[in-house]
Amino acid sequence: MAGASDIARQASDILFLNEQLTGLEVLENITEQLNRQLDANLKHTVGINSFLMGLGLIDIVSPSLLAILHNVTTTFIIGKSLTYIQ
């Protein structure tokens, strides 16, 4: 792809700087890790928020405390998702 035209480079989503395809393996590994992280984050978010809503429905926790807990857990999950994937 290094010898491709400027129009082909601008239209492509991925640009290979050499003729070897070893970059595809790295890209596939990164994609799998990101998908696992997104799946885990979604499961944690749904689980925690469902638990918090349950506590609110049966009047164990006040609405203001639920709002704080929701924001804290959301911030934690977002912060966790910003960690570097190896």
Protein backbone atom coordinates (compact mmCIF):
# COMPACT_ATOMS: atom_id res chain seq x y z
CA MET A 1 0.00 0.00 0.00
CA ALA A 2 3.02 2.24 0.32
CA GLY A 3 2.98 2.69 -3.46
CA ALA A 4 -0.73 3.48 -3.68
CA SER A 5 -2.08 6.65 -5.17
CA ASP A 6 -3.10 9.62 -3.02
CA ILE A 7 -6.79 9.06 -3.78
CA ALA A 8 -6.58 5.41 -2.68
CA ARG A 9 -4.84 6.44 0.54
CA GLN A 10 -7.50 9.02 1.37
CA ALA A 11 -10.35 6.58 0.65
CA SER A 12 -8.94 3.73 2.75
CA ASP A 13 -9.77 3.09 6.39
CA ILE A 14 -6.48 1.29 7.04
CA LEU A 15 -3.17 2.14 5.44
CA PHE A 16 -0.29 -0.36 5.40
CA LEU A 17 3.12 1.26 5.35
CA ASN A 18 4.84 -1.83 3.96
CA GLU A 19 3.90 -4.86 1.90
CA GLN A 20 3.75 -7.25 4.89
CA LEU A 21 0.42 -8.20 6.44
CA THR A 22 1.70 -8.67 10.01
CA GLY A 23 -0.17 -5.55 11.05
CA LEU A 24 -3.47 -7.38 10.52
CA GLU A 25 -2.67 -9.80 13.34
CA VAL A 26 -1.93 -6.92 15.70
CA LEU A 27 -5.13 -5.17 14.62
CA GLU A 28 -7.15 -8.35 15.20
CA ASN A 29 -5.71 -8.76 18.71
CA ILE A 30 -6.52 -5.15 19.59
CA THR A 31 -10.04 -5.58 18.23
CA GLU A 32 -10.65 -8.71 20.31
CA GLN A 33 -9.36 -7.04 23.47
CA LEU A 34 -11.53 -3.97 22.90
CA ASN A 35 -14.60 -6.11 22.31
CA ARG A 36 -13.97 -8.04 25.54
CA GLN A 37 -13.51 -4.79 27.46
CA LEU A 38 -16.69 -3.26 26.01
CA ASP A 39 -18.64 -6.42 26.82
CA ALA A 40 -17.36 -6.46 30.41
CA ASN A 41 -18.11 -2.73 30.86
CA LEU A 42 -21.64 -3.19 29.57
CA LYS A 43 -22.28 -6.15 31.88
CA HIS A 44 -20.91 -4.26 34.88
CA THR A 45 -22.98 -1.17 34.07
CA VAL A 46 -26.23 -3.07 33.61
CA GLY A 47 -25.63 -5.20 36.71
CA ILE A 48 -24.71 -2.36 39.03
CA ASN A 49 -27.47 -0.03 37.81
CA SER A 50 -30.07 -2.81 38.04
CA PHE A 51 -28.96 -3.52 41.60
CA LEU A 52 -29.16 0.17 42.49
CA MET A 53 -32.62 0.49 40.95
CA GLY A 54 -33.74 -2.52 42.97
CA LEU A 55 -32.49 -0.89 46.16
CA GLY A 56 -34.41 2.24 45.25
CA LEU A 57 -37.61 0.36 44.43
CA ILE A 58 -37.75 -1.30 47.83
CA ASP A 59 -36.81 1.92 49.65
CA ILE A 60 -33.54 0.70 51.12
CA VAL A 61 -31.54 3.64 49.77
CA SER A 62 -32.67 7.23 49.31
CA PRO A 63 -32.92 8.67 45.79
CA SER A 64 -30.17 11.21 46.42
CA LEU A 65 -27.76 8.50 47.58
CA LEU A 66 -28.71 6.39 44.56
CA ALA A 67 -27.86 9.29 42.27
CA ILE A 68 -24.46 9.67 43.93
CA LEU A 69 -23.79 5.91 43.75
CA HIS A 70 -24.85 5.82 40.11
CA ASN A 71 -22.49 8.68 39.21
CA VAL A 72 -19.60 7.19 41.18
CA THR A 73 -19.95 3.76 39.60
CA THR A 74 -20.35 5.26 36.12
CA THR A 75 -17.21 7.33 36.62
CA PHE A 76 -15.34 4.26 37.86
CA ILE A 77 -16.38 2.17 34.85
CA ILE A 78 -15.45 4.95 32.43
CA GLY A 79 -12.09 5.36 34.17
CA LYS A 80 -11.51 1.63 33.97
CA SER A 81 -12.23 1.68 30.25
CA LEU A 82 -9.52 4.31 29.74
CA THR A 83 -6.80 1.90 30.87
CA TYR A 84 -4.29 0.78 28.30
CA ILE A 85 -4.93 -2.53 26.56
CA GLN A 86 -1.83 -4.66 26.09
